[in-house]
Amino acid sequence: MGKLYWYELTMRGVSPGAYPRGAFTSEVSHINKEGKDYGAVAYLEPLAQSQVESYELRMIGPPRELYDYEEMMLGVE
């Protein structure tokens, strides 16, 4: 079963160029720890620390298992 790795944006909102390419999904309305509504993005693999730092992201909790419908979208068995 696959996992999703969620990262919150800390300095800007979800928009092209604000986070590394290849995100599986995004959440435009996510309030970060500073109380800013910058959004969050999810990946199927963890990002490299250099990407996290370059894009000023912060991991949100532990990775979570994919839901059944997400696995169906990806063709994961």
PDB file of N, CA and C in Angstrom:
ATOM      1  N   MET A   1       0.851  -1.184   0.000  1.00  0.00           N
ATOM      2  CA  MET A   1       0.000   0.000   0.000  1.00  0.00           C
ATOM      3  C   MET A   1       0.889   1.237   0.000  1.00  0.00           C
ATOM      4  N   GLY A   2       0.537   2.236  -0.805  1.00  0.00           N
ATOM      5  CA  GLY A   2       1.309   3.463  -0.907  1.00  0.00           C
ATOM      6  C   GLY A   2       1.020   4.437   0.224  1.00  0.00           C
ATOM      7  N   LYS A   3       1.834   5.453   0.289  1.00  0.00           N
ATOM      8  CA  LYS A   3       1.673   6.482   1.315  1.00  0.00           C
ATOM      9  C   LYS A   3       1.714   7.862   0.691  1.00  0.00           C
ATOM     10  N   LEU A   4       1.126   8.823   1.381  1.00  0.00           N
ATOM     11  CA  LEU A   4       1.194  10.230   0.986  1.00  0.00           C
ATOM     12  C   LEU A   4       2.007  10.990   2.016  1.00  0.00           C
ATOM     13  N   TYR A   5       2.892  11.831   1.533  1.00  0.00           N
ATOM     14  CA  TYR A   5       3.742  12.674   2.369  1.00  0.00           C
ATOM     15  C   TYR A   5       3.280  14.114   2.172  1.00  0.00           C
ATOM     16  N   TRP A   6       2.691  14.692   3.216  1.00  0.00           N
ATOM     17  CA  TRP A   6       2.135  16.041   3.139  1.00  0.00           C
ATOM     18  C   TRP A   6       3.131  17.073   3.662  1.00  0.00           C
ATOM     19  N   TYR A   7       3.188  18.202   2.959  1.00  0.00           N
ATOM     20  CA  TYR A   7       4.046  19.325   3.338  1.00  0.00           C
ATOM     21  C   TYR A   7       3.225  20.603   3.289  1.00  0.00           C
ATOM     22  N   GLU A   8       3.383  21.449   4.312  1.00  0.00           N
ATOM     23  CA  GLU A   8       2.700  22.728   4.287  1.00  0.00           C
ATOM     24  C   GLU A   8       3.639  23.794   3.746  1.00  0.00           C
ATOM     25  N   LEU A   9       3.068  24.752   3.031  1.00  0.00           N
ATOM     26  CA  LEU A   9       3.824  25.882   2.530  1.00  0.00           C
ATOM     27  C   LEU A   9       3.916  26.910   3.649  1.00  0.00           C
ATOM     28  N   THR A  10       5.094  27.476   3.849  1.00  0.00           N
ATOM     29  CA  THR A  10       5.282  28.385   4.982  1.00  0.00           C
ATOM     30  C   THR A  10       5.424  29.849   4.587  1.00  0.00           C
ATOM     31  N   MET A  11       5.677  30.131   3.293  1.00  0.00           N
ATOM     32  CA  MET A  11       5.953  31.514   2.902  1.00  0.00           C
ATOM     33  C   MET A  11       5.080  32.049   1.777  1.00  0.00           C
ATOM     34  N   ARG A  12       4.358  31.170   1.078  1.00  0.00           N
ATOM     35  CA  ARG A  12       3.540  31.599  -0.054  1.00  0.00           C
ATOM     36  C   ARG A  12       2.445  30.577  -0.283  1.00  0.00           C
ATOM     37  N   GLY A  13       1.438  30.961  -1.043  1.00  0.00           N
ATOM     38  CA  GLY A  13       0.315  30.072  -1.313  1.00  0.00           C
ATOM     39  C   GLY A  13       0.612  29.057  -2.397  1.00  0.00           C
ATOM     40  N   VAL A  14      -0.290  28.074  -2.532  1.00  0.00           N
ATOM     41  CA  VAL A  14      -0.178  27.041  -3.558  1.00  0.00           C
ATOM     42  C   VAL A  14      -0.341  27.700  -4.925  1.00  0.00           C
ATOM     43  N   SER A  15       0.714  27.663  -5.716  1.00  0.00           N
ATOM     44  CA  SER A  15       0.701  28.211  -7.066  1.00  0.00           C
ATOM     45  C   SER A  15       1.886  27.624  -7.832  1.00  0.00           C
ATOM     46  N   PRO A  16       1.855  27.694  -9.170  1.00  0.00           N
ATOM     47  CA  PRO A  16       2.970  27.140  -9.944  1.00  0.00           C
ATOM     48  C   PRO A  16       4.305  27.751  -9.498  1.00  0.00           C
ATOM     49  N   GLY A  17       5.283  26.894  -9.299  1.00  0.00           N
ATOM     50  CA  GLY A  17       6.606  27.337  -8.888  1.00  0.00           C
ATOM     51  C   GLY A  17       6.791  27.496  -7.389  1.00  0.00           C
ATOM     52  N   ALA A  18       5.714  27.366  -6.609  1.00  0.00           N
ATOM     53  CA  ALA A  18       5.806  27.540  -5.156  1.00  0.00           C
ATOM     54  C   ALA A  18       6.199  26.253  -4.443  1.00  0.00           C
ATOM     55  N   TYR A  19       6.194  25.135  -5.161  1.00  0.00           N
ATOM     56  CA  TYR A  19       6.563  23.839  -4.584  1.00  0.00           C
ATOM     57  C   TYR A  19       7.124  22.962  -5.704  1.00  0.00           C
ATOM     58  N   PRO A  20       7.879  21.921  -5.370  1.00  0.00           N
ATOM     59  CA  PRO A  20       8.481  21.071  -6.399  1.00  0.00           C
ATOM     60  C   PRO A  20       7.436  20.378  -7.274  1.00  0.00           C
ATOM     61  N   ARG A  21       7.792  20.175  -8.533  1.00  0.00           N
ATOM     62  CA  ARG A  21       6.904  19.443  -9.457  1.00  0.00           C
ATOM     63  C   ARG A  21       6.688  18.016  -8.956  1.00  0.00           C
ATOM     64  N   GLY A  22       5.600  17.429  -9.432  1.00  0.00           N
ATOM     65  CA  GLY A  22       5.336  16.031  -9.123  1.00  0.00           C
ATOM     66  C   GLY A  22       4.406  15.798  -7.954  1.00  0.00           C
ATOM     67  N   ALA A  23       3.761  16.845  -7.454  1.00  0.00           N
ATOM     68  CA  ALA A  23       2.832  16.663  -6.339  1.00  0.00           C
ATOM     69  C   ALA A  23       1.658  15.795  -6.789  1.00  0.00           C
ATOM     70  N   PHE A  24       1.220  14.897  -5.915  1.00  0.00           N
ATOM     71  CA  PHE A  24       0.072  14.046  -6.192  1.00  0.00           C
ATOM     72  C   PHE A  24      -1.220  14.835  -6.063  1.00  0.00           C
ATOM     73  N   THR A  25      -1.294  15.681  -5.056  1.00  0.00           N
ATOM     74  CA  THR A  25      -2.486  16.492  -4.817  1.00  0.00           C
ATOM     75  C   THR A  25      -2.098  17.717  -4.000  1.00  0.00           C
ATOM     76  N   SER A  26      -3.003  18.672  -3.917  1.00  0.00           N
ATOM     77  CA  SER A  26      -2.754  19.857  -3.094  1.00  0.00           C
ATOM     78  C   SER A  26      -4.034  20.249  -2.374  1.00  0.00           C
ATOM     79  N   GLU A  27      -3.864  20.970  -1.322  1.00  0.00           N
ATOM     80  CA  GLU A  27      -4.978  21.502  -0.527  1.00  0.00           C
ATOM     81  C   GLU A  27      -4.742  23.005  -0.441  1.00  0.00           C
ATOM     82  N   VAL A  28      -5.567  23.773  -1.119  1.00  0.00           N
ATOM     83  CA  VAL A  28      -5.357  25.216  -1.181  1.00  0.00           C
ATOM     84  C   VAL A  28      -5.593  25.858   0.183  1.00  0.00           C
ATOM     85  N   SER A  29      -6.539  25.349   0.944  1.00  0.00           N
ATOM     86  CA  SER A  29      -6.864  25.933   2.243  1.00  0.00           C
ATOM     87  C   SER A  29      -6.312  25.058   3.373  1.00  0.00           C
ATOM     88  N   HIS A  30      -5.107  25.383   3.805  1.00  0.00           N
ATOM     89  CA  HIS A  30      -4.480  24.728   4.957  1.00  0.00           C
ATOM     90  C   HIS A  30      -3.754  25.804   5.739  1.00  0.00           C
ATOM     91  N   ILE A  31      -4.078  25.950   6.995  1.00  0.00           N
ATOM     92  CA  ILE A  31      -3.450  26.969   7.836  1.00  0.00           C
ATOM     93  C   ILE A  31      -2.216  26.369   8.476  1.00  0.00           C
ATOM     94  N   ASN A  32      -1.043  26.988   8.233  1.00  0.00           N
ATOM     95  CA  ASN A  32       0.206  26.459   8.777  1.00  0.00           C
ATOM     96  C   ASN A  32       0.376  26.859  10.242  1.00  0.00           C
ATOM     97  N   LYS A  33       1.497  26.441  10.834  1.00  0.00           N
ATOM     98  CA  LYS A  33       1.724  26.671  12.268  1.00  0.00           C
ATOM     99  C   LYS A  33       1.792  28.146  12.636  1.00  0.00           C
ATOM    100  N   GLU A  34       2.110  28.998  11.665  1.00  0.00           N
ATOM    101  CA  GLU A  34       2.170  30.437  11.923  1.00  0.00           C
ATOM    102  C   GLU A  34       0.804  31.105  11.748  1.00  0.00           C
ATOM    103  N   GLY A  35      -0.220  30.309  11.417  1.00  0.00           N
ATOM    104  CA  GLY A  35      -1.560  30.856  11.248  1.00  0.00           C
ATOM    105  C   GLY A  35      -1.819  31.407   9.856  1.00  0.00           C
ATOM    106  N   LYS A  36      -0.929  31.140   8.912  1.00  0.00           N
ATOM    107  CA  LYS A  36      -1.089  31.614   7.531  1.00  0.00           C
ATOM    108  C   LYS A  36      -1.768  30.537   6.693  1.00  0.00           C
ATOM    109  N   ASP A  37      -2.700  30.937   5.863  1.00  0.00           N
ATOM    110  CA  ASP A  37      -3.445  30.013   5.008  1.00  0.00           C
ATOM    111  C   ASP A  37      -2.741  29.890   3.662  1.00  0.00           C
ATOM    112  N   TYR A  38      -1.598  29.171   3.637  1.00  0.00           N
ATOM    113  CA  TYR A  38      -0.798  29.041   2.423  1.00  0.00           C
ATOM    114  C   TYR A  38      -1.037  27.735   1.685  1.00  0.00           C
ATOM    115  N   GLY A  39      -1.688  26.776   2.297  1.00  0.00           N
ATOM    116  CA  GLY A  39      -1.971  25.523   1.626  1.00  0.00           C
ATOM    117  C   GLY A  39      -0.951  24.443   1.930  1.00  0.00           C
ATOM    118  N   ALA A  40      -1.179  23.273   1.301  1.00  0.00           N
ATOM    119  CA  ALA A  40      -0.318  22.114   1.515  1.00  0.00           C
ATOM    120  C   ALA A  40      -0.288  21.289   0.236  1.00  0.00           C
ATOM    121  N   VAL A  41       0.774  20.502   0.080  1.00  0.00           N
ATOM    122  CA  VAL A  41       0.929  19.630  -1.076  1.00  0.00           C
ATOM    123  C   VAL A  41       1.333  18.238  -0.608  1.00  0.00           C
ATOM    124  N   ALA A  42       0.952  17.221  -1.390  1.00  0.00           N
ATOM    125  CA  ALA A  42       1.255  15.835  -1.026  1.00  0.00           C
ATOM    126  C   ALA A  42       2.005  15.148  -2.162  1.00  0.00           C
ATOM    127  N   TYR A  43       2.933  14.280  -1.771  1.00  0.00           N
ATOM    128  CA  TYR A  43       3.753  13.525  -2.708  1.00  0.00           C
ATOM    129  C   TYR A  43       3.701  12.042  -2.358  1.00  0.00           C
ATOM    130  N   LEU A  44       3.964  11.210  -3.359  1.00  0.00           N
ATOM    131  CA  LEU A  44       3.971   9.757  -3.143  1.00  0.00           C
ATOM    132  C   LEU A  44       5.299   9.278  -2.571  1.00  0.00           C
ATOM    133  N   GLU A  45       6.321  10.105  -2.633  1.00  0.00           N
ATOM    134  CA  GLU A  45       7.638   9.814  -2.063  1.00  0.00           C
ATOM    135  C   GLU A  45       8.052  11.022  -1.233  1.00  0.00           C
ATOM    136  N   PRO A  46       8.844  10.821  -0.192  1.00  0.00           N
ATOM    137  CA  PRO A  46       9.301  11.972   0.579  1.00  0.00           C
ATOM    138  C   PRO A  46      10.210  12.859  -0.273  1.00  0.00           C
ATOM    139  N   LEU A  47      10.139  14.155  -0.043  1.00  0.00           N
ATOM    140  CA  LEU A  47      11.009  15.099  -0.745  1.00  0.00           C
ATOM    141  C   LEU A  47      12.401  15.070  -0.132  1.00  0.00           C
ATOM    142  N   ALA A  48      13.380  15.436  -0.932  1.00  0.00           N
ATOM    143  CA  ALA A  48      14.740  15.585  -0.421  1.00  0.00           C
ATOM    144  C   ALA A  48      14.780  16.793   0.510  1.00  0.00           C
ATOM    145  N   GLN A  49      15.624  16.739   1.513  1.00  0.00           N
ATOM    146  CA  GLN A  49      15.741  17.856   2.449  1.00  0.00           C
ATOM    147  C   GLN A  49      16.073  19.159   1.717  1.00  0.00           C
ATOM    148  N   SER A  50      16.869  19.077   0.665  1.00  0.00           N
ATOM    149  CA  SER A  50      17.216  20.283  -0.103  1.00  0.00           C
ATOM    150  C   SER A  50      15.976  20.905  -0.744  1.00  0.00           C
ATOM    151  N   GLN A  51      15.020  20.080  -1.201  1.00  0.00           N
ATOM    152  CA  GLN A  51      13.773  20.602  -1.763  1.00  0.00           C
ATOM    153  C   GLN A  51      12.923  21.260  -0.681  1.00  0.00           C
ATOM    154  N   VAL A  52      12.835  20.609   0.464  1.00  0.00           N
ATOM    155  CA  VAL A  52      12.059  21.158   1.586  1.00  0.00           C
ATOM    156  C   VAL A  52      12.596  22.537   1.953  1.00  0.00           C
ATOM    157  N   GLU A  53      13.898  22.654   2.029  1.00  0.00           N
ATOM    158  CA  GLU A  53      14.518  23.927   2.394  1.00  0.00           C
ATOM    159  C   GLU A  53      14.382  24.967   1.285  1.00  0.00           C
ATOM    160  N   SER A  54      14.633  24.580   0.037  1.00  0.00           N
ATOM    161  CA  SER A  54      14.575  25.525  -1.090  1.00  0.00           C
ATOM    162  C   SER A  54      13.186  26.125  -1.270  1.00  0.00           C
ATOM    163  N   TYR A  55      12.159  25.315  -1.074  1.00  0.00           N
ATOM    164  CA  TYR A  55      10.786  25.773  -1.277  1.00  0.00           C
ATOM    165  C   TYR A  55      10.119  26.211   0.030  1.00  0.00           C
ATOM    166  N   GLU A  56      10.874  26.192   1.109  1.00  0.00           N
ATOM    167  CA  GLU A  56      10.371  26.625   2.425  1.00  0.00           C
ATOM    168  C   GLU A  56       9.091  25.876   2.812  1.00  0.00           C
ATOM    169  N   LEU A  57       9.205  24.541   2.809  1.00  0.00           N
ATOM    170  CA  LEU A  57       8.100  23.657   3.169  1.00  0.00           C
ATOM    171  C   LEU A  57       8.342  23.069   4.555  1.00  0.00           C
ATOM    172  N   ARG A  58       7.304  22.489   5.133  1.00  0.00           N
ATOM    173  CA  ARG A  58       7.411  21.802   6.423  1.00  0.00           C
ATOM    174  C   ARG A  58       6.537  20.553   6.353  1.00  0.00           C
ATOM    175  N   MET A  59       7.108  19.403   6.702  1.00  0.00           N
ATOM    176  CA  MET A  59       6.330  18.154   6.670  1.00  0.00           C
ATOM    177  C   MET A  59       5.223  18.218   7.719  1.00  0.00           C
ATOM    178  N   ILE A  60       4.058  17.706   7.334  1.00  0.00           N
ATOM    179  CA  ILE A  60       2.905  17.683   8.237  1.00  0.00           C
ATOM    180  C   ILE A  60       2.739  16.251   8.727  1.00  0.00           C
ATOM    181  N   GLY A  61       3.088  15.996   9.960  1.00  0.00           N
ATOM    182  CA  GLY A  61       2.875  14.689  10.568  1.00  0.00           C
ATOM    183  C   GLY A  61       3.525  13.546   9.817  1.00  0.00           C
ATOM    184  N   PRO A  62       3.234  12.326  10.232  1.00  0.00           N
ATOM    185  CA  PRO A  62       3.785  11.151   9.546  1.00  0.00           C
ATOM    186  C   PRO A  62       3.042  10.921   8.226  1.00  0.00           C
ATOM    187  N   PRO A  63       3.660  10.176   7.290  1.00  0.00           N
ATOM    188  CA  PRO A  63       2.955   9.858   6.042  1.00  0.00           C
ATOM    189  C   PRO A  63       1.696   9.053   6.343  1.00  0.00           C
ATOM    190  N   ARG A  64       0.685   9.197   5.500  1.00  0.00           N
ATOM    191  CA  ARG A  64      -0.548   8.424   5.702  1.00  0.00           C
ATOM    192  C   ARG A  64      -0.744   7.463   4.543  1.00  0.00           C
ATOM    193  N   GLU A  65      -1.446   6.375   4.820  1.00  0.00           N
ATOM    194  CA  GLU A  65      -1.757   5.386   3.790  1.00  0.00           C
ATOM    195  C   GLU A  65      -2.698   6.009   2.755  1.00  0.00           C
ATOM    196  N   LEU A  66      -2.549   5.585   1.507  1.00  0.00           N
ATOM    197  CA  LEU A  66      -3.460   6.030   0.460  1.00  0.00           C
ATOM    198  C   LEU A  66      -4.852   5.466   0.712  1.00  0.00           C
ATOM    199  N   TYR A  67      -5.877   6.261   0.409  1.00  0.00           N
ATOM    200  CA  TYR A  67      -7.243   5.773   0.456  1.00  0.00           C
ATOM    201  C   TYR A  67      -7.480   4.871  -0.749  1.00  0.00           C
ATOM    202  N   ASP A  68      -8.508   4.021  -0.682  1.00  0.00           N
ATOM    203  CA  ASP A  68      -8.806   3.097  -1.778  1.00  0.00           C
ATOM    204  C   ASP A  68      -8.983   3.824  -3.113  1.00  0.00           C
ATOM    205  N   TYR A  69      -9.719   4.935  -3.116  1.00  0.00           N
ATOM    206  CA  TYR A  69      -9.961   5.632  -4.383  1.00  0.00           C
ATOM    207  C   TYR A  69      -8.660   6.225  -4.939  1.00  0.00           C
ATOM    208  N   GLU A  70      -7.725   6.611  -4.081  1.00  0.00           N
ATOM    209  CA  GLU A  70      -6.428   7.124  -4.545  1.00  0.00           C
ATOM    210  C   GLU A  70      -5.615   6.009  -5.190  1.00  0.00           C
ATOM    211  N   GLU A  71      -5.658   4.821  -4.586  1.00  0.00           N
ATOM    212  CA  GLU A  71      -4.967   3.680  -5.178  1.00  0.00           C
ATOM    213  C   GLU A  71      -5.578   3.316  -6.530  1.00  0.00           C
ATOM    214  N   MET A  72      -6.887   3.402  -6.636  1.00  0.00           N
ATOM    215  CA  MET A  72      -7.548   3.109  -7.902  1.00  0.00           C
ATOM    216  C   MET A  72      -7.106   4.110  -8.969  1.00  0.00           C
ATOM    217  N   MET A  73      -6.994   5.391  -8.587  1.00  0.00           N
ATOM    218  CA  MET A  73      -6.546   6.417  -9.531  1.00  0.00           C
ATOM    219  C   MET A  73      -5.146   6.114 -10.048  1.00  0.00           C
ATOM    220  N   LEU A  74      -4.297   5.590  -9.181  1.00  0.00           N
ATOM    221  CA  LEU A  74      -2.902   5.305  -9.532  1.00  0.00           C
ATOM    222  C   LEU A  74      -2.713   3.924 -10.146  1.00  0.00           C
ATOM    223  N   GLY A  75      -3.733   3.073 -10.047  1.00  0.00           N
ATOM    224  CA  GLY A  75      -3.605   1.705 -10.532  1.00  0.00           C
ATOM    225  C   GLY A  75      -2.767   0.842  -9.623  1.00  0.00           C
ATOM    226  N   VAL A  76      -2.717   1.186  -8.324  1.00  0.00           N
ATOM    227  CA  VAL A  76      -1.947   0.424  -7.341  1.00  0.00           C
ATOM    228  C   VAL A  76      -2.802  -0.733  -6.844  1.00  0.00           C
ATOM    229  N   GLU A  77      -2.194  -1.888  -6.703  1.00  0.00           N
ATOM    230  CA  GLU A  77      -2.949  -3.043  -6.185  1.00  0.00           C
ATOM    231  C   GLU A  77      -2.488  -3.401  -4.812  1.00  0.00           C
TER     232      GLU A  77
END
